[in-house]
């Protein structure tokens, strides 16, 4: 009877010790870490470094810390950090979407405004004054219209980073407006000089 009681006590001790051991050895949150890495990569592809640079840097640092904990097999701390990062990565993705749409929309709007200014300058009268030199500006207008249409399509499809990468177009159109005005003034000055009567000797 005593032997049976002793054996039962020993079994309980072994089982209890096993539970304690299992509790102390947390399982690696491999799937969650992989999912977070994929989500963060997606944020980067969407333009997190452009549209939410501070938040992206903060989350990236925590992801690096998480990777370090996994390498050191500190799974309990890794799990806690991974759990907190789920919400942060989701918030980052939302911020990138919001900021990206806003910034891309403003870029398309600015490009259209600059192109509108250029079209106003390309009046039949001004084109007549420029003569043959006017054709290159008409060609540029068509080229800019095509590029803006592409930007608008990217904006509609949520490809905000693509729109941002075409942002130099705004400056190019502005430079064309300035170039046109310069050539126009030179052409007007040349016409005025031709019409000016020659002085009598």
C-alpha atoms as a PDB file:
ATOM      1  CA  UNK A   1       0.000   0.000   0.000  1.00  0.00           C
ATOM      2  CA  UNK A   2       2.818   2.362   0.876  1.00  0.00           C
ATOM      3  CA  UNK A   3       4.639   1.393  -2.307  1.00  0.00           C
ATOM      4  CA  UNK A   4       1.543   2.172  -4.370  1.00  0.00           C
ATOM      5  CA  UNK A   5       1.102   5.528  -2.655  1.00  0.00           C
ATOM      6  CA  UNK A   6       4.751   6.342  -3.213  1.00  0.00           C
ATOM      7  CA  UNK A   7       4.503   5.400  -6.891  1.00  0.00           C
ATOM      8  CA  UNK A   8       1.399   7.544  -7.352  1.00  0.00           C
ATOM      9  CA  UNK A   9       3.164  10.477  -5.697  1.00  0.00           C
ATOM     10  CA  UNK A  10       6.184   9.996  -7.924  1.00  0.00           C
ATOM     11  CA  UNK A  11       3.997   9.948 -11.035  1.00  0.00           C
ATOM     12  CA  UNK A  12       2.285  13.158  -9.967  1.00  0.00           C
ATOM     13  CA  UNK A  13       5.672  14.779  -9.417  1.00  0.00           C
ATOM     14  CA  UNK A  14       6.906  13.741 -12.855  1.00  0.00           C
ATOM     15  CA  UNK A  15       3.705  14.920 -14.575  1.00  0.00           C
ATOM     16  CA  UNK A  16       3.724  18.242 -12.695  1.00  0.00           C
ATOM     17  CA  UNK A  17       7.374  18.733 -13.517  1.00  0.00           C
ATOM     18  CA  UNK A  18       6.604  18.047 -17.154  1.00  0.00           C
ATOM     19  CA  UNK A  19       3.889  20.725 -17.200  1.00  0.00           C
ATOM     20  CA  UNK A  20       6.257  23.231 -15.618  1.00  0.00           C
ATOM     21  CA  UNK A  21       8.936  22.355 -18.162  1.00  0.00           C
ATOM     22  CA  UNK A  22       6.510  22.737 -21.065  1.00  0.00           C
ATOM     23  CA  UNK A  23       5.256  26.032 -19.692  1.00  0.00           C
ATOM     24  CA  UNK A  24       8.819  27.306 -19.443  1.00  0.00           C
ATOM     25  CA  UNK A  25       9.646  26.358 -23.041  1.00  0.00           C
ATOM     26  CA  UNK A  26       7.486  28.646 -25.219  1.00  0.00           C
ATOM     27  CA  UNK A  27       6.952  27.607 -28.811  1.00  0.00           C
ATOM     28  CA  UNK A  28       8.518  29.829 -31.521  1.00  0.00           C
ATOM     29  CA  UNK A  29       5.913  32.123 -33.150  1.00  0.00           C
ATOM     30  CA  UNK A  30       7.261  31.225 -36.587  1.00  0.00           C
ATOM     31  CA  UNK A  31       4.030  31.611 -38.565  1.00  0.00           C
ATOM     32  CA  UNK A  32       3.182  34.933 -36.971  1.00  0.00           C
ATOM     33  CA  UNK A  33       6.689  36.298 -37.607  1.00  0.00           C
ATOM     34  CA  UNK A  34       6.560  35.170 -41.241  1.00  0.00           C
ATOM     35  CA  UNK A  35       3.157  36.806 -41.673  1.00  0.00           C
ATOM     36  CA  UNK A  36       4.438  40.059 -40.164  1.00  0.00           C
ATOM     37  CA  UNK A  37       7.485  40.047 -42.446  1.00  0.00           C
ATOM     38  CA  UNK A  38       5.243  39.561 -45.482  1.00  0.00           C
ATOM     39  CA  UNK A  39       2.924  42.365 -44.378  1.00  0.00           C
ATOM     40  CA  UNK A  40       5.834  44.721 -43.791  1.00  0.00           C
ATOM     41  CA  UNK A  41       7.278  43.888 -47.211  1.00  0.00           C
ATOM     42  CA  UNK A  42       3.900  44.684 -48.712  1.00  0.00           C
ATOM     43  CA  UNK A  43       3.868  48.044 -46.925  1.00  0.00           C
ATOM     44  CA  UNK A  44       7.299  48.799 -48.355  1.00  0.00           C
ATOM     45  CA  UNK A  45       6.129  47.899 -51.855  1.00  0.00           C
ATOM     46  CA  UNK A  46       3.152  50.214 -51.392  1.00  0.00           C
ATOM     47  CA  UNK A  47       5.536  53.081 -50.593  1.00  0.00           C
ATOM     48  CA  UNK A  48       5.780  53.102 -46.808  1.00  0.00           C
ATOM     49  CA  UNK A  49       9.245  54.690 -47.021  1.00  0.00           C
ATOM     50  CA  UNK A  50       7.732  57.599 -48.961  1.00  0.00           C
ATOM     51  CA  UNK A  51       4.251  58.025 -47.522  1.00  0.00           C
ATOM     52  CA  UNK A  52       4.918  57.123 -43.860  1.00  0.00           C
ATOM     53  CA  UNK A  53       8.706  57.166 -43.369  1.00  0.00           C
ATOM     54  CA  UNK A  54       8.736  57.705 -39.589  1.00  0.00           C
ATOM     55  CA  UNK A  55       6.209  54.953 -38.874  1.00  0.00           C
ATOM     56  CA  UNK A  56       7.926  52.620 -41.320  1.00  0.00           C
ATOM     57  CA  UNK A  57      11.300  53.157 -39.646  1.00  0.00           C
ATOM     58  CA  UNK A  58       9.816  52.521 -36.209  1.00  0.00           C
ATOM     59  CA  UNK A  59       8.116  49.276 -37.225  1.00  0.00           C
ATOM     60  CA  UNK A  60      11.194  48.125 -39.161  1.00  0.00           C
ATOM     61  CA  UNK A  61      13.344  48.539 -36.063  1.00  0.00           C
ATOM     62  CA  UNK A  62      10.922  46.446 -34.023  1.00  0.00           C
ATOM     63  CA  UNK A  63      10.911  43.790 -36.730  1.00  0.00           C
ATOM     64  CA  UNK A  64      14.700  43.681 -36.558  1.00  0.00           C
ATOM     65  CA  UNK A  65      14.429  43.273 -32.785  1.00  0.00           C
ATOM     66  CA  UNK A  66      11.908  40.468 -33.281  1.00  0.00           C
ATOM     67  CA  UNK A  67      14.240  38.688 -35.688  1.00  0.00           C
ATOM     68  CA  UNK A  68      17.019  38.963 -33.118  1.00  0.00           C
ATOM     69  CA  UNK A  69      14.831  37.404 -30.413  1.00  0.00           C
ATOM     70  CA  UNK A  70      13.987  34.537 -32.741  1.00  0.00           C
ATOM     71  CA  UNK A  71      17.663  33.962 -33.518  1.00  0.00           C
ATOM     72  CA  UNK A  72      18.411  33.913 -29.780  1.00  0.00           C
ATOM     73  CA  UNK A  73      15.516  31.478 -29.218  1.00  0.00           C
ATOM     74  CA  UNK A  74      13.862  33.895 -26.800  1.00  0.00           C
ATOM     75  CA  UNK A  75      10.449  32.766 -27.932  1.00  0.00           C
ATOM     76  CA  UNK A  76       8.417  34.098 -25.020  1.00  0.00           C
ATOM     77  CA  UNK A  77       9.635  37.666 -25.634  1.00  0.00           C
ATOM     78  CA  UNK A  78       9.369  37.152 -29.380  1.00  0.00           C
ATOM     79  CA  UNK A  79       5.735  36.116 -29.070  1.00  0.00           C
ATOM     80  CA  UNK A  80       4.866  39.165 -26.974  1.00  0.00           C
ATOM     81  CA  UNK A  81       6.599  41.501 -29.425  1.00  0.00           C
ATOM     82  CA  UNK A  82       4.991  39.816 -32.428  1.00  0.00           C
ATOM     83  CA  UNK A  83       1.554  40.210 -30.845  1.00  0.00           C
ATOM     84  CA  UNK A  84       2.112  43.943 -30.376  1.00  0.00           C
ATOM     85  CA  UNK A  85       3.448  44.328 -33.914  1.00  0.00           C
ATOM     86  CA  UNK A  86       0.308  42.921 -35.521  1.00  0.00           C
ATOM     87  CA  UNK A  87      -1.626  46.100 -34.708  1.00  0.00           C
ATOM     88  CA  UNK A  88       1.300  48.386 -35.571  1.00  0.00           C
ATOM     89  CA  UNK A  89       1.810  46.846 -39.004  1.00  0.00           C
ATOM     90  CA  UNK A  90      -1.932  47.092 -39.703  1.00  0.00           C
ATOM     91  CA  UNK A  91      -1.869  50.772 -38.672  1.00  0.00           C
ATOM     92  CA  UNK A  92       1.165  51.361 -40.899  1.00  0.00           C
ATOM     93  CA  UNK A  93      -0.617  49.839 -43.899  1.00  0.00           C
ATOM     94  CA  UNK A  94      -3.633  52.073 -43.280  1.00  0.00           C
ATOM     95  CA  UNK A  95      -1.446  55.191 -42.995  1.00  0.00           C
ATOM     96  CA  UNK A  96       0.391  54.351 -46.207  1.00  0.00           C
ATOM     97  CA  UNK A  97      -2.931  53.950 -48.017  1.00  0.00           C
ATOM     98  CA  UNK A  98      -4.328  57.240 -46.696  1.00  0.00           C
ATOM     99  CA  UNK A  99      -1.182  59.339 -47.194  1.00  0.00           C
ATOM    100  CA  UNK A 100      -0.403  57.724 -50.527  1.00  0.00           C
ATOM    101  CA  UNK A 101      -3.845  58.476 -51.944  1.00  0.00           C
ATOM    102  CA  UNK A 102      -3.702  62.063 -50.705  1.00  0.00           C
ATOM    103  CA  UNK A 103      -0.203  62.778 -52.031  1.00  0.00           C
ATOM    104  CA  UNK A 104      -0.783  61.037 -55.351  1.00  0.00           C
ATOM    105  CA  UNK A 105      -4.054  62.922 -55.831  1.00  0.00           C
ATOM    106  CA  UNK A 106      -2.331  66.257 -55.268  1.00  0.00           C
ATOM    107  CA  UNK A 107       0.409  65.360 -57.757  1.00  0.00           C
ATOM    108  CA  UNK A 108      -2.109  64.558 -60.492  1.00  0.00           C
ATOM    109  CA  UNK A 109      -3.975  67.770 -59.705  1.00  0.00           C
ATOM    110  CA  UNK A 110      -0.775  69.842 -59.907  1.00  0.00           C
ATOM    111  CA  UNK A 111       0.179  68.223 -63.217  1.00  0.00           C
ATOM    112  CA  UNK A 112      -3.232  69.053 -64.665  1.00  0.00           C
ATOM    113  CA  UNK A 113      -2.991  72.641 -63.447  1.00  0.00           C
ATOM    114  CA  UNK A 114       0.428  73.123 -65.056  1.00  0.00           C
ATOM    115  CA  UNK A 115      -0.792  71.561 -68.292  1.00  0.00           C
ATOM    116  CA  UNK A 116      -3.831  73.860 -68.237  1.00  0.00           C
ATOM    117  CA  UNK A 117      -1.513  76.883 -67.995  1.00  0.00           C
ATOM    118  CA  UNK A 118       0.501  75.602 -70.953  1.00  0.00           C
ATOM    119  CA  UNK A 119      -2.629  75.079 -73.061  1.00  0.00           C
ATOM    120  CA  UNK A 120      -3.791  78.633 -72.333  1.00  0.00           C
ATOM    121  CA  UNK A 121      -0.496  79.929 -73.645  1.00  0.00           C
ATOM    122  CA  UNK A 122      -0.816  77.871 -76.810  1.00  0.00           C
ATOM    123  CA  UNK A 123      -3.498  80.125 -78.251  1.00  0.00           C
ATOM    124  CA  UNK A 124      -3.788  80.363 -82.068  1.00  0.00           C
ATOM    125  CA  UNK A 125      -2.400  83.915 -81.874  1.00  0.00           C
ATOM    126  CA  UNK A 126       0.682  82.901 -79.878  1.00  0.00           C
ATOM    127  CA  UNK A 127       1.260  79.827 -82.037  1.00  0.00           C
ATOM    128  CA  UNK A 128       1.120  82.057 -85.102  1.00  0.00           C
ATOM    129  CA  UNK A 129       3.746  84.366 -83.631  1.00  0.00           C
ATOM    130  CA  UNK A 130       6.083  81.440 -82.914  1.00  0.00           C
ATOM    131  CA  UNK A 131       5.648  79.983 -86.381  1.00  0.00           C
ATOM    132  CA  UNK A 132       7.470  76.699 -86.977  1.00  0.00           C
ATOM    133  CA  UNK A 133       8.782  76.635 -83.377  1.00  0.00           C
ATOM    134  CA  UNK A 134       5.215  76.200 -82.117  1.00  0.00           C
ATOM    135  CA  UNK A 135       4.909  72.599 -83.308  1.00  0.00           C
ATOM    136  CA  UNK A 136       7.238  71.216 -80.668  1.00  0.00           C
ATOM    137  CA  UNK A 137       5.028  72.672 -77.943  1.00  0.00           C
ATOM    138  CA  UNK A 138       1.896  71.146 -79.452  1.00  0.00           C
ATOM    139  CA  UNK A 139       3.683  67.786 -79.504  1.00  0.00           C
ATOM    140  CA  UNK A 140       4.721  68.216 -75.885  1.00  0.00           C
ATOM    141  CA  UNK A 141       1.132  68.881 -74.845  1.00  0.00           C
ATOM    142  CA  UNK A 142       0.061  65.558 -76.345  1.00  0.00           C
ATOM    143  CA  UNK A 143       2.948  63.809 -74.606  1.00  0.00           C
ATOM    144  CA  UNK A 144       2.061  65.365 -71.246  1.00  0.00           C
ATOM    145  CA  UNK A 145      -1.609  64.453 -71.675  1.00  0.00           C
ATOM    146  CA  UNK A 146      -0.617  60.814 -72.133  1.00  0.00           C
ATOM    147  CA  UNK A 147       1.597  60.810 -69.059  1.00  0.00           C
ATOM    148  CA  UNK A 148      -1.059  62.468 -66.906  1.00  0.00           C
ATOM    149  CA  UNK A 149      -3.597  59.911 -68.108  1.00  0.00           C
ATOM    150  CA  UNK A 150      -1.215  57.173 -66.920  1.00  0.00           C
ATOM    151  CA  UNK A 151      -0.831  58.887 -63.553  1.00  0.00           C
ATOM    152  CA  UNK A 152      -4.609  59.146 -63.220  1.00  0.00           C
ATOM    153  CA  UNK A 153      -4.977  55.453 -64.033  1.00  0.00           C
ATOM    154  CA  UNK A 154      -2.365  54.556 -61.404  1.00  0.00           C
ATOM    155  CA  UNK A 155      -4.194  56.755 -58.892  1.00  0.00           C
ATOM    156  CA  UNK A 156      -7.521  55.060 -59.643  1.00  0.00           C
ATOM    157  CA  UNK A 157      -5.901  51.628 -59.253  1.00  0.00           C
ATOM    158  CA  UNK A 158      -4.254  52.478 -55.926  1.00  0.00           C
ATOM    159  CA  UNK A 159      -0.717  52.418 -57.354  1.00  0.00           C
ATOM    160  CA  UNK A 160       0.219  55.545 -55.433  1.00  0.00           C
ATOM    161  CA  UNK A 161       3.958  54.902 -55.487  1.00  0.00           C
ATOM    162  CA  UNK A 162       3.850  54.768 -59.292  1.00  0.00           C
ATOM    163  CA  UNK A 163       2.222  58.196 -59.312  1.00  0.00           C
ATOM    164  CA  UNK A 164       4.900  59.517 -56.975  1.00  0.00           C
ATOM    165  CA  UNK A 165       7.657  58.190 -59.214  1.00  0.00           C
ATOM    166  CA  UNK A 166       6.198  60.277 -62.056  1.00  0.00           C
ATOM    167  CA  UNK A 167       6.047  63.435 -59.922  1.00  0.00           C
ATOM    168  CA  UNK A 168       8.951  65.114 -61.842  1.00  0.00           C
ATOM    169  CA  UNK A 169       6.404  65.584 -64.653  1.00  0.00           C
ATOM    170  CA  UNK A 170       4.954  68.587 -62.797  1.00  0.00           C
ATOM    171  CA  UNK A 171       8.317  70.353 -62.916  1.00  0.00           C
ATOM    172  CA  UNK A 172       8.817  69.408 -66.555  1.00  0.00           C
ATOM    173  CA  UNK A 173       5.517  70.967 -67.582  1.00  0.00           C
ATOM    174  CA  UNK A 174       6.296  74.092 -65.564  1.00  0.00           C
ATOM    175  CA  UNK A 175       9.683  74.371 -67.302  1.00  0.00           C
ATOM    176  CA  UNK A 176       7.949  74.027 -70.677  1.00  0.00           C
ATOM    177  CA  UNK A 177       5.596  76.894 -69.799  1.00  0.00           C
ATOM    178  CA  UNK A 178       8.578  79.092 -68.946  1.00  0.00           C
ATOM    179  CA  UNK A 179      10.399  78.072 -72.117  1.00  0.00           C
ATOM    180  CA  UNK A 180       7.330  78.843 -74.211  1.00  0.00           C
ATOM    181  CA  UNK A 181       6.940  82.289 -72.644  1.00  0.00           C
ATOM    182  CA  UNK A 182      10.604  83.073 -73.242  1.00  0.00           C
ATOM    183  CA  UNK A 183      10.436  82.067 -76.915  1.00  0.00           C
ATOM    184  CA  UNK A 184       7.165  83.929 -77.331  1.00  0.00           C
ATOM    185  CA  UNK A 185       8.634  87.170 -75.976  1.00  0.00           C
ATOM    186  CA  UNK A 186      11.671  86.788 -78.225  1.00  0.00           C
ATOM    187  CA  UNK A 187       9.424  86.206 -81.251  1.00  0.00           C
ATOM    188  CA  UNK A 188       7.323  89.276 -80.397  1.00  0.00           C
ATOM    189  CA  UNK A 189      10.453  91.379 -80.030  1.00  0.00           C
ATOM    190  CA  UNK A 190      11.708  90.149 -83.400  1.00  0.00           C
ATOM    191  CA  UNK A 191       8.389  91.017 -85.059  1.00  0.00           C
ATOM    192  CA  UNK A 192       8.368  94.469 -83.522  1.00  0.00           C
ATOM    193  CA  UNK A 193      11.883  95.069 -84.791  1.00  0.00           C
ATOM    194  CA  UNK A 194      10.864  94.119 -88.341  1.00  0.00           C
ATOM    195  CA  UNK A 195       7.855  96.439 -88.285  1.00  0.00           C
ATOM    196  CA  UNK A 196       9.900  99.375 -86.966  1.00  0.00           C
ATOM    197  CA  UNK A 197      10.549 101.840 -89.802  1.00  0.00           C
ATOM    198  CA  UNK A 198      14.172 102.441 -90.737  1.00  0.00           C
ATOM    199  CA  UNK A 199      15.634 105.780 -89.719  1.00  0.00           C
ATOM    200  CA  UNK A 200      16.328 108.311 -92.454  1.00  0.00           C
ATOM    201  CA  UNK A 201      19.940 109.290 -92.946  1.00  0.00           C
END
